[in-house]
Amino acid sequence: MNKYVWMFLILILIVSFVLLLEKLRKKTLEKLDQILYIEQNPSLYLELLENKHFHWILRKESIAQLKLNGYLMLNDHKKIEEYFDLLENAYLTKGEKLDYNTKKLSYYALHHNQEKAEKAKSEIEKMLKNNTKKQDILEESELIYKIYIEHDYGQIKTLKEKLKHQNGLTKGISYFRCAKLYHDHSKDDKAKECLKLAEPFVKNTIYDSIIKECNLDLNKLKEY
């Protein structure tokens, strides 16, 4: 057989294998997301990630990032810090590095660590400074910082403007953030009103249980 035909056949096999792996990778990630975010079962999620077969379809850095998601869901501070340190100097793609820094910003902002939250925000700004297609991520980072670190009451106006164009979970999160800011500024009647408005938009998500908890005790808003 002509050597060029052999080369063509080998190329076809390689491309087919790559496409198959990509399809398997996508299906695996979708299933993992379902277990973690829909079924809210981080223990099972982390157990599955220990399976050595994942190393056939995912890089070790990608697996580490997935594990970080599980520990964030469990709020396991020791493991979260361990994986932040592990990923800090790991080889990450641009997308993975952006995801890593957005998680750091959210985590440290929630726990009122201004120095580390600001550092993560600066990294995001540096990465997206000239990327016009991802300005929404930049805006979200700034919003998180202003709400959770600065407790900026003026962001309620920003959130209300966003609410006009939002649907589903995103809308529920904006109502929740309004409630948080109202409570931070001792406007608890307004906070309760926003939590009530958020309820129909967060059904069957992690925010469903969070909002129920906050409805019972508004001080819980400070924890989320």
Protein backbone atom coordinates (compact mmCIF):
# COMPACT_ATOMS: atom_id res chain seq x y z
CA MET A 1 0.00 0.00 0.00
CA ASN A 2 1.21 3.50 -0.89
CA LYS A 3 2.94 5.17 2.09
CA TYR A 4 0.78 8.27 1.64
CA VAL A 5 -2.35 6.16 2.02
CA TRP A 6 -0.92 4.73 5.25
CA MET A 7 -0.18 8.22 6.52
CA PHE A 8 -3.71 9.32 5.66
CA LEU A 9 -5.24 6.31 7.45
CA ILE A 10 -3.09 6.93 10.54
CA LEU A 11 -4.13 10.59 10.53
CA ILE A 12 -7.81 9.59 10.32
CA LEU A 13 -7.34 7.22 13.29
CA ILE A 14 -5.64 9.92 15.36
CA VAL A 15 -8.36 12.48 14.60
CA SER A 16 -11.09 9.94 15.40
CA PHE A 17 -9.42 9.09 18.70
CA VAL A 18 -9.07 12.77 19.65
CA LEU A 19 -12.73 13.45 18.81
CA LEU A 20 -13.80 10.41 20.82
CA LEU A 21 -11.78 11.56 23.83
CA GLU A 22 -13.23 15.07 23.57
CA LYS A 23 -16.77 13.67 23.45
CA LEU A 24 -16.05 11.47 26.47
CA ARG A 25 -14.46 14.39 28.33
CA LYS A 26 -17.48 16.62 27.71
CA LYS A 27 -19.94 13.91 28.80
CA THR A 28 -17.89 13.19 31.94
CA LEU A 29 -17.74 16.87 32.94
CA GLU A 30 -21.48 17.27 32.42
CA LYS A 31 -22.15 14.28 34.68
CA LEU A 32 -19.77 15.58 37.34
CA ASP A 33 -21.45 19.01 37.25
CA GLN A 34 -24.82 17.35 37.69
CA ILE A 35 -23.62 15.42 40.76
CA LEU A 36 -22.01 18.49 42.35
CA TYR A 37 -24.40 21.32 41.50
CA ILE A 38 -27.78 19.68 40.81
CA GLU A 39 -27.69 16.66 43.13
CA GLN A 40 -25.44 18.61 45.54
CA ASN A 41 -23.43 15.53 46.47
CA PRO A 42 -19.81 16.76 46.82
CA SER A 43 -18.70 13.61 48.68
CA LEU A 44 -19.68 11.34 45.76
CA TYR A 45 -18.21 13.88 43.32
CA LEU A 46 -14.81 13.82 45.06
CA GLU A 47 -14.92 10.03 45.37
CA LEU A 48 -15.44 9.68 41.63
CA LEU A 49 -12.50 12.00 40.92
CA GLU A 50 -10.18 9.55 42.70
CA ASN A 51 -10.84 7.03 39.91
CA LYS A 52 -7.56 6.55 38.01
CA HIS A 53 -9.44 6.32 34.69
CA PHE A 54 -9.99 10.10 34.78
CA HIS A 55 -6.29 10.53 34.02
CA TRP A 56 -6.95 9.10 30.54
CA ILE A 57 -9.23 11.99 29.61
CA LEU A 58 -8.23 14.87 31.92
CA ARG A 59 -4.93 16.55 32.78
CA LYS A 60 -3.86 16.32 36.43
CA GLU A 61 -4.22 20.12 36.70
CA SER A 62 -7.80 19.87 35.42
CA ILE A 63 -8.57 17.15 37.97
CA ALA A 64 -7.10 19.35 40.72
CA GLN A 65 -9.39 22.20 39.68
CA LEU A 66 -12.39 19.88 39.71
CA LYS A 67 -11.46 18.69 43.20
CA LEU A 68 -11.22 22.32 44.29
CA ASN A 69 -14.86 22.77 43.21
CA GLY A 70 -15.86 19.89 45.48
CA TYR A 71 -13.98 21.27 48.48
CA LEU A 72 -15.49 24.71 47.86
CA MET A 73 -18.93 23.11 47.98
CA LEU A 74 -18.01 21.37 51.25
CA ASN A 75 -16.50 24.61 52.58
CA ASP A 76 -13.46 22.59 53.65
CA HIS A 77 -11.09 25.48 54.37
CA LYS A 78 -7.98 23.34 54.87
CA LYS A 79 -8.42 21.52 51.54
CA ILE A 80 -9.40 24.71 49.72
CA GLU A 81 -6.17 26.42 50.81
CA GLU A 82 -4.21 23.28 49.93
CA TYR A 83 -5.58 23.24 46.37
CA PHE A 84 -5.20 27.00 45.93
CA ASP A 85 -1.51 26.56 46.80
CA LEU A 86 -1.21 23.51 44.54
CA LEU A 87 -2.69 25.34 41.55
CA GLU A 88 -0.86 28.63 42.14
CA ASN A 89 2.29 27.42 40.37
CA ALA A 90 0.73 24.69 38.23
CA TYR A 91 0.67 24.83 34.43
CA LEU A 92 -2.83 26.11 33.62
CA THR A 93 -4.39 27.07 30.32
CA LYS A 94 -5.63 30.68 30.08
CA GLY A 95 -9.19 29.48 30.67
CA GLU A 96 -8.16 27.41 33.70
CA LYS A 97 -6.14 30.30 35.14
CA LEU A 98 -9.10 32.64 34.76
CA ASP A 99 -11.40 30.10 36.42
CA TYR A 100 -8.87 29.63 39.24
CA ASN A 101 -8.66 33.36 39.96
CA THR A 102 -12.43 33.89 39.85
CA LYS A 103 -12.80 31.12 42.45
CA LYS A 104 -10.09 32.71 44.60
CA LEU A 105 -11.79 36.09 44.39
CA SER A 106 -15.20 34.67 45.32
CA TYR A 107 -13.81 32.59 48.20
CA TYR A 108 -11.65 35.31 49.77
CA ALA A 109 -14.27 38.01 49.25
CA LEU A 110 -16.86 35.82 51.00
CA HIS A 111 -14.42 35.32 53.90
CA HIS A 112 -13.53 39.03 54.05
CA ASN A 113 -9.87 38.56 53.18
CA GLN A 114 -9.34 41.85 51.39
CA GLU A 115 -5.66 41.34 50.54
CA LYS A 116 -6.12 37.98 48.81
CA ALA A 117 -9.41 39.00 47.16
CA GLU A 118 -7.77 42.10 45.75
CA LYS A 119 -4.81 40.10 44.45
CA ALA A 120 -7.16 37.68 42.62
CA LYS A 121 -9.14 40.60 41.20
CA SER A 122 -5.93 42.21 39.94
CA GLU A 123 -4.96 38.96 38.17
CA ILE A 124 -8.37 38.84 36.46
CA GLU A 125 -8.05 42.48 35.38
CA LYS A 126 -4.58 41.80 34.00
CA MET A 127 -5.81 38.78 32.00
CA LEU A 128 -8.89 40.50 30.58
CA LYS A 129 -7.67 44.06 30.18
CA ASN A 130 -7.69 43.89 26.37
CA ASN A 131 -10.30 41.14 25.94
CA THR A 132 -13.49 42.86 24.81
CA LYS A 133 -15.38 39.55 24.60
CA LYS A 134 -15.06 38.81 28.34
CA GLN A 135 -15.83 42.19 29.89
CA ASP A 136 -18.82 40.61 31.64
CA ILE A 137 -16.39 38.52 33.75
CA LEU A 138 -14.43 41.66 34.57
CA GLU A 139 -17.64 43.47 35.60
CA GLU A 140 -18.73 40.50 37.73
CA SER A 141 -15.35 40.46 39.51
CA GLU A 142 -15.64 44.16 40.31
CA LEU A 143 -19.22 43.66 41.52
CA ILE A 144 -18.24 40.79 43.85
CA TYR A 145 -15.44 42.88 45.33
CA LYS A 146 -17.67 45.91 45.91
CA ILE A 147 -20.45 43.84 47.51
CA TYR A 148 -18.46 41.46 49.70
CA ILE A 149 -15.37 43.52 50.58
CA GLU A 150 -16.54 47.14 50.38
CA HIS A 151 -20.24 46.51 51.24
CA ASP A 152 -20.99 49.28 48.74
CA TYR A 153 -24.67 50.22 49.10
CA GLY A 154 -24.51 51.97 45.74
CA GLN A 155 -24.28 48.58 44.03
CA ILE A 156 -27.99 48.01 44.70
CA LYS A 157 -28.66 50.44 41.86
CA THR A 158 -26.29 48.42 39.62
CA LEU A 159 -28.01 45.16 40.58
CA LYS A 160 -31.49 46.56 39.94
CA GLU A 161 -30.40 47.66 36.49
CA LYS A 162 -29.08 44.14 35.80
CA LEU A 163 -32.34 42.59 37.04
CA LYS A 164 -34.21 44.20 34.13
CA HIS A 165 -32.35 41.95 31.67
CA GLN A 166 -31.86 38.77 33.73
CA ASN A 167 -33.71 35.47 34.03
CA GLY A 168 -33.44 32.23 35.98
CA LEU A 169 -30.70 31.63 38.54
CA THR A 170 -28.78 34.78 37.55
CA LYS A 171 -31.79 36.88 38.49
CA GLY A 172 -32.18 35.00 41.77
CA ILE A 173 -28.52 35.67 42.65
CA SER A 174 -28.95 39.40 41.95
CA TYR A 175 -31.97 39.55 44.27
CA PHE A 176 -29.95 37.67 46.89
CA ARG A 177 -27.08 40.15 46.59
CA CYS A 178 -29.52 43.04 47.00
CA ALA A 179 -30.80 41.36 50.18
CA LYS A 180 -27.23 41.04 51.45
CA LEU A 181 -26.47 44.72 50.89
CA TYR A 182 -29.77 45.82 52.45
CA HIS A 183 -29.00 43.73 55.54
CA ASP A 184 -25.44 45.12 55.70
CA HIS A 185 -27.02 48.58 55.94
CA SER A 186 -29.75 47.61 58.46
CA LYS A 187 -32.65 47.64 55.98
CA ASP A 188 -34.00 44.23 56.93
CA ASP A 189 -37.52 44.74 55.56
CA LYS A 190 -36.01 45.34 52.13
CA ALA A 191 -33.71 42.34 52.61
CA LYS A 192 -36.68 40.05 53.35
CA GLU A 193 -38.51 41.40 50.30
CA CYS A 194 -35.54 40.62 48.03
CA LEU A 195 -35.16 37.10 49.44
CA LYS A 196 -38.83 36.48 48.69
CA LEU A 197 -38.38 37.74 45.13
CA ALA A 198 -35.35 35.46 44.68
CA GLU A 199 -37.15 32.24 45.69
CA PRO A 200 -38.83 31.27 42.37
CA PHE A 201 -35.59 31.77 40.44
CA VAL A 202 -33.40 29.49 42.56
CA LYS A 203 -35.54 26.35 42.79
CA ASN A 204 -33.49 23.11 42.73
CA THR A 205 -30.16 24.94 43.01
CA ILE A 206 -27.74 25.41 45.90
CA TYR A 207 -29.20 28.89 46.45
CA ASP A 208 -32.59 27.34 47.26
CA SER A 209 -31.39 26.03 50.64
CA ILE A 210 -29.26 29.14 51.27
CA ILE A 211 -32.24 31.47 50.85
CA LYS A 212 -34.43 29.30 53.08
CA GLU A 213 -31.73 29.46 55.75
CA CYS A 214 -31.42 33.24 55.42
CA ASN A 215 -35.21 33.68 55.62
CA LEU A 216 -35.11 32.00 59.03
CA ASP A 217 -32.17 34.11 60.22
CA LEU A 218 -31.16 37.22 58.27
CA ASN A 219 -27.76 37.23 59.99
CA LYS A 220 -26.94 34.19 57.82
CA LEU A 221 -26.68 36.64 54.91
CA LYS A 222 -23.26 37.59 56.27
CA GLU A 223 -22.07 33.99 55.72
CA TYR A 224 -23.01 33.90 52.02
